[in-house]
Amino acid sequence: MNDFLSDVELYCTSHSIIDDAILIDGEEAYHITHVMRHIKGDVIHITDGHGSIYKSIIQAVDQKKINCKILSSKHYENKFCSITFCIPRLRNTDRFEFALEKCVELGITNFIVFDSTRTVAKGEKIERWQKVLLSAMKQSLRAWLPKVSYERNVNTIIKLNGTRILFDQNASQTFQQFLAANNQSLITNHFFFFGPEGGLTEDECRVMNAECRVKLTDNRLRSETAIVTAASILTTTL
């Protein structure tokens, strides 16, 4: 990060930005005024969640909203816009949310959470996951609001247009080797699949029909460790 984002607080608006005016309301406005104690005339940094961060000055504050004026702005590229991490629900909620959080800190912005045959915890918690992703985005000073969706099984995901990559401990090709050979092709949609604690079933792997299977390390990793490791390798390779 450059000096523009050095040692700042970052907030997010859900409203369209018109001319040089920004509106913040809801929980975000409450946090700015009641937790961080900002007042009229204070300078804060705001992202629209679409790649831009605005250095802004608070012009008006009331109980439910804040009006700001843009002083300067910077736009950031989303290097991983074509990459989607397909993550199973994990038995331990803390470990699952840890994986989401660290992936966002490393730059991943697209997630599909799915249930598999061997998934212990099932069902969607989109609202909770979105809060985790939003918090991680702001904490890591990133400008792209991550997207998350939920699928009950892999059958729907495999219908999406793109290349499917399965992380498989028994694969002969490493993830680093795959990235080195396919660096340029990653501009198209790629779906990276991770298995749950008990792994994907043979039927799920057959249905998925992944174009490529890769391994992360020679030893077996926990699901959440594999997810974060893959994100880390991506950010240091691409």
Protein backbone atom coordinates (compact mmCIF):
# COMPACT_ATOMS: atom_id res chain seq x y z
CA MET A 1 0.00 0.00 0.00
CA ASN A 2 1.18 3.54 -0.67
CA ASP A 3 0.91 6.61 1.58
CA PHE A 4 -2.65 7.26 0.45
CA LEU A 5 -3.77 4.34 2.59
CA SER A 6 -1.17 4.59 5.30
CA ASP A 7 -2.54 4.36 8.84
CA VAL A 8 -6.15 5.33 8.08
CA GLU A 9 -9.62 4.16 9.07
CA LEU A 10 -11.65 2.88 6.14
CA TYR A 11 -15.43 3.01 5.90
CA CYS A 12 -17.82 1.78 3.21
CA THR A 13 -20.88 3.36 1.64
CA SER A 14 -23.71 1.40 0.07
CA HIS A 15 -25.00 4.46 -1.80
CA SER A 16 -24.12 5.70 -5.27
CA ILE A 17 -21.69 8.59 -5.30
CA ILE A 18 -23.07 11.66 -7.05
CA ASP A 19 -20.59 14.34 -8.12
CA ASP A 20 -18.34 14.78 -5.07
CA ALA A 21 -20.92 13.88 -2.41
CA ILE A 22 -20.98 10.70 -0.32
CA LEU A 23 -23.78 9.53 1.97
CA ILE A 24 -23.17 7.03 4.77
CA ASP A 25 -25.96 5.65 6.94
CA GLY A 26 -26.88 2.61 9.01
CA GLU A 27 -24.33 0.76 11.14
CA GLU A 28 -21.44 2.42 9.34
CA ALA A 29 -22.66 5.92 10.25
CA TYR A 30 -23.23 4.81 13.84
CA HIS A 31 -19.68 3.45 14.06
CA ILE A 32 -18.19 6.68 12.68
CA THR A 33 -20.04 8.97 15.08
CA HIS A 34 -20.61 6.91 18.23
CA VAL A 35 -17.58 4.61 18.29
CA MET A 36 -14.86 6.61 16.53
CA ARG A 37 -16.39 9.93 17.67
CA HIS A 38 -15.91 11.74 14.38
CA ILE A 39 -17.56 15.13 13.97
CA LYS A 40 -18.15 17.70 11.25
CA GLY A 41 -14.85 18.77 9.69
CA ASP A 42 -13.03 15.48 10.30
CA VAL A 43 -11.33 13.77 7.36
CA ILE A 44 -12.14 10.10 6.78
CA HIS A 45 -11.54 7.54 4.01
CA ILE A 46 -14.47 5.84 2.31
CA THR A 47 -14.70 3.08 -0.28
CA ASP A 48 -17.59 2.46 -2.64
CA GLY A 49 -16.73 -1.26 -2.72
CA HIS A 50 -16.09 -1.04 -6.46
CA GLY A 51 -12.39 -0.27 -6.42
CA SER A 52 -12.27 3.39 -5.40
CA ILE A 53 -11.26 4.95 -2.10
CA TYR A 54 -12.13 8.56 -1.35
CA LYS A 55 -10.41 10.89 1.07
CA SER A 56 -13.38 12.89 2.31
CA ILE A 57 -14.39 15.56 4.80
CA ILE A 58 -17.50 15.25 6.96
CA GLN A 59 -19.86 18.10 6.13
CA ALA A 60 -22.97 17.19 8.09
CA VAL A 61 -23.90 14.69 10.79
CA ASP A 62 -27.29 13.71 12.19
CA GLN A 63 -28.52 10.73 14.15
CA LYS A 64 -28.82 8.36 11.19
CA LYS A 65 -26.58 9.59 8.37
CA ILE A 66 -23.40 11.40 7.47
CA ASN A 67 -22.79 13.60 4.44
CA CYS A 68 -19.23 13.89 3.15
CA LYS A 69 -17.43 15.77 0.39
CA ILE A 70 -14.68 14.10 -1.64
CA LEU A 71 -11.25 15.70 -1.40
CA SER A 72 -9.32 13.19 -3.51
CA SER A 73 -9.67 9.63 -4.75
CA LYS A 74 -7.73 6.62 -5.99
CA HIS A 75 -8.89 3.57 -7.93
CA TYR A 76 -7.44 0.10 -7.39
CA GLU A 77 -7.41 -2.85 -9.77
CA ASN A 78 -9.08 -6.10 -8.74
CA LYS A 79 -6.36 -8.59 -9.69
CA PHE A 80 -8.49 -11.60 -8.79
CA CYS A 81 -11.86 -10.65 -10.27
CA SER A 82 -11.93 -13.80 -12.43
CA ILE A 83 -11.14 -16.16 -9.54
CA THR A 84 -13.80 -17.70 -7.30
CA PHE A 85 -13.04 -19.74 -4.20
CA CYS A 86 -15.61 -22.51 -3.75
CA ILE A 87 -15.51 -23.30 -0.06
CA PRO A 88 -17.46 -25.94 1.89
CA ARG A 89 -19.16 -25.16 5.17
CA LEU A 90 -16.76 -26.21 7.91
CA ARG A 91 -17.74 -27.81 11.20
CA ASN A 92 -16.00 -25.11 13.23
CA THR A 93 -17.54 -21.69 12.56
CA ASP A 94 -14.51 -19.79 13.85
CA ARG A 95 -12.17 -21.63 11.50
CA PHE A 96 -14.53 -21.09 8.58
CA GLU A 97 -14.79 -17.35 9.20
CA PHE A 98 -11.03 -17.18 9.77
CA ALA A 99 -10.50 -18.62 6.27
CA LEU A 100 -12.90 -16.09 4.73
CA GLU A 101 -11.27 -13.21 6.56
CA LYS A 102 -7.70 -14.10 5.62
CA CYS A 103 -8.62 -14.69 1.98
CA VAL A 104 -10.08 -11.18 1.80
CA GLU A 105 -7.00 -9.71 3.44
CA LEU A 106 -4.96 -11.42 0.72
CA GLY A 107 -7.18 -10.04 -2.06
CA ILE A 108 -9.74 -12.74 -2.93
CA THR A 109 -13.11 -11.13 -3.72
CA ASN A 110 -15.40 -13.93 -4.97
CA PHE A 111 -16.70 -16.80 -2.84
CA ILE A 112 -19.23 -19.58 -3.25
CA VAL A 113 -20.02 -21.49 -0.06
CA PHE A 114 -21.47 -24.95 -0.65
CA ASP A 115 -22.68 -27.98 1.25
CA SER A 116 -21.23 -31.37 0.41
CA THR A 117 -22.12 -34.89 1.44
CA ARG A 118 -19.52 -34.87 4.22
CA THR A 119 -20.18 -31.31 5.37
CA VAL A 120 -21.15 -31.34 9.05
CA ALA A 121 -22.54 -27.80 9.34
CA LYS A 122 -25.05 -27.11 6.59
CA GLY A 123 -27.15 -24.18 5.44
CA GLU A 124 -26.50 -20.57 4.55
CA LYS A 125 -25.66 -17.59 6.73
CA ILE A 126 -25.19 -15.01 3.99
CA GLU A 127 -25.81 -11.98 6.21
CA ARG A 128 -23.22 -13.13 8.75
CA TRP A 129 -20.66 -14.00 6.05
CA GLN A 130 -21.13 -10.61 4.38
CA LYS A 131 -20.38 -8.88 7.67
CA VAL A 132 -17.18 -10.91 8.04
CA LEU A 133 -16.13 -10.03 4.48
CA LEU A 134 -16.95 -6.34 4.89
CA SER A 135 -14.99 -6.11 8.13
CA ALA A 136 -11.99 -7.87 6.58
CA MET A 137 -12.08 -5.56 3.55
CA LYS A 138 -12.03 -2.44 5.70
CA GLN A 139 -9.40 -3.79 8.10
CA SER A 140 -7.04 -4.66 5.26
CA LEU A 141 -7.72 -1.35 3.45
CA ARG A 142 -9.05 -2.97 0.29
CA ALA A 143 -11.43 -1.28 -2.12
CA TRP A 144 -13.39 -4.20 -3.60
CA LEU A 145 -16.31 -5.48 -1.53
CA PRO A 146 -16.17 -9.29 -1.66
CA LYS A 147 -19.17 -11.23 -2.96
CA VAL A 148 -20.46 -14.44 -1.43
CA SER A 149 -23.24 -16.80 -2.49
CA TYR A 150 -24.45 -20.17 -1.24
CA GLU A 151 -25.22 -23.45 -3.01
CA ARG A 152 -26.67 -26.62 -1.50
CA ASN A 153 -24.32 -28.84 -3.52
CA VAL A 154 -21.76 -28.77 -6.33
CA ASN A 155 -24.33 -29.48 -9.04
CA THR A 156 -25.25 -25.83 -9.52
CA ILE A 157 -21.69 -24.55 -9.37
CA ILE A 158 -20.47 -26.81 -12.17
CA LYS A 159 -23.01 -25.22 -14.53
CA LEU A 160 -21.27 -21.85 -14.23
CA ASN A 161 -19.09 -20.81 -17.14
CA GLY A 162 -15.41 -21.25 -16.32
CA THR A 163 -12.56 -23.63 -15.58
CA ARG A 164 -12.83 -25.87 -12.51
CA ILE A 165 -9.71 -26.55 -10.44
CA LEU A 166 -9.87 -29.14 -7.66
CA PHE A 167 -7.39 -29.25 -4.80
CA ASP A 168 -6.52 -32.92 -4.39
CA GLN A 169 -3.85 -34.29 -2.08
CA ASN A 170 -3.16 -37.12 -4.54
CA ALA A 171 -2.60 -34.87 -7.55
CA SER A 172 0.81 -34.96 -9.22
CA GLN A 173 0.89 -31.29 -10.22
CA THR A 174 1.50 -28.63 -7.58
CA PHE A 175 -0.51 -25.41 -7.42
CA GLN A 176 2.66 -23.42 -8.13
CA GLN A 177 3.30 -25.47 -11.27
CA PHE A 178 -0.27 -24.92 -12.42
CA LEU A 179 -0.02 -21.16 -11.93
CA ALA A 180 3.32 -20.98 -13.72
CA ALA A 181 1.86 -22.78 -16.74
CA ASN A 182 -1.51 -20.98 -16.77
CA ASN A 183 -0.69 -17.47 -15.59
CA GLN A 184 -2.14 -15.73 -18.64
CA SER A 185 -5.27 -17.88 -18.84
CA LEU A 186 -6.47 -16.80 -15.39
CA ILE A 187 -8.05 -13.70 -16.94
CA THR A 188 -11.03 -15.98 -17.68
CA ASN A 189 -13.29 -17.40 -14.95
CA HIS A 190 -11.66 -19.99 -12.73
CA PHE A 191 -13.39 -21.85 -9.89
CA PHE A 192 -11.10 -23.28 -7.20
CA PHE A 193 -12.76 -26.10 -5.22
CA PHE A 194 -11.79 -27.07 -1.68
CA GLY A 195 -13.07 -30.15 0.13
CA PRO A 196 -14.58 -30.32 3.64
CA GLU A 197 -12.96 -32.00 6.63
CA GLY A 198 -13.83 -35.48 5.33
CA GLY A 199 -13.03 -34.63 1.73
CA LEU A 200 -15.32 -34.69 -1.29
CA THR A 201 -16.94 -38.00 -2.19
CA GLU A 202 -16.04 -39.89 -5.37
CA ASP A 203 -19.46 -39.04 -6.78
CA GLU A 204 -18.94 -35.32 -6.12
CA CYS A 205 -15.53 -35.41 -7.76
CA ARG A 206 -16.97 -37.24 -10.75
CA VAL A 207 -19.85 -34.79 -11.10
CA MET A 208 -17.48 -31.86 -10.78
CA ASN A 209 -15.36 -33.18 -13.65
CA ALA A 210 -12.58 -30.72 -12.89
CA GLU A 211 -10.35 -29.72 -15.79
CA CYS A 212 -7.33 -29.90 -13.49
CA ARG A 213 -6.34 -31.29 -10.11
CA VAL A 214 -3.54 -29.76 -8.07
CA LYS A 215 -2.01 -30.19 -4.64
CA LEU A 216 -0.76 -27.50 -2.26
CA THR A 217 1.83 -29.43 -0.25
CA ASP A 218 3.06 -32.97 0.17
CA ASN A 219 1.40 -33.22 3.58
CA ARG A 220 -2.32 -33.04 4.32
CA LEU A 221 -3.70 -29.68 5.45
CA ARG A 222 -6.84 -28.77 7.34
CA SER A 223 -9.51 -27.32 5.06
CA GLU A 224 -9.15 -23.79 6.43
CA THR A 225 -5.35 -24.00 6.17
CA ALA A 226 -5.57 -25.15 2.55
CA ILE A 227 -7.92 -22.29 1.68
CA VAL A 228 -5.66 -19.61 3.16
CA THR A 229 -2.52 -21.24 1.72
CA ALA A 230 -4.00 -21.20 -1.78
CA ALA A 231 -4.91 -17.52 -1.41
CA SER A 232 -1.40 -16.73 -0.20
CA ILE A 233 0.22 -18.56 -3.12
CA LEU A 234 -2.03 -16.72 -5.58
CA THR A 235 -1.18 -13.29 -4.22
CA THR A 236 2.55 -13.94 -4.26
CA THR A 237 2.55 -15.54 -7.74
CA LEU A 238 0.21 -13.45 -9.89
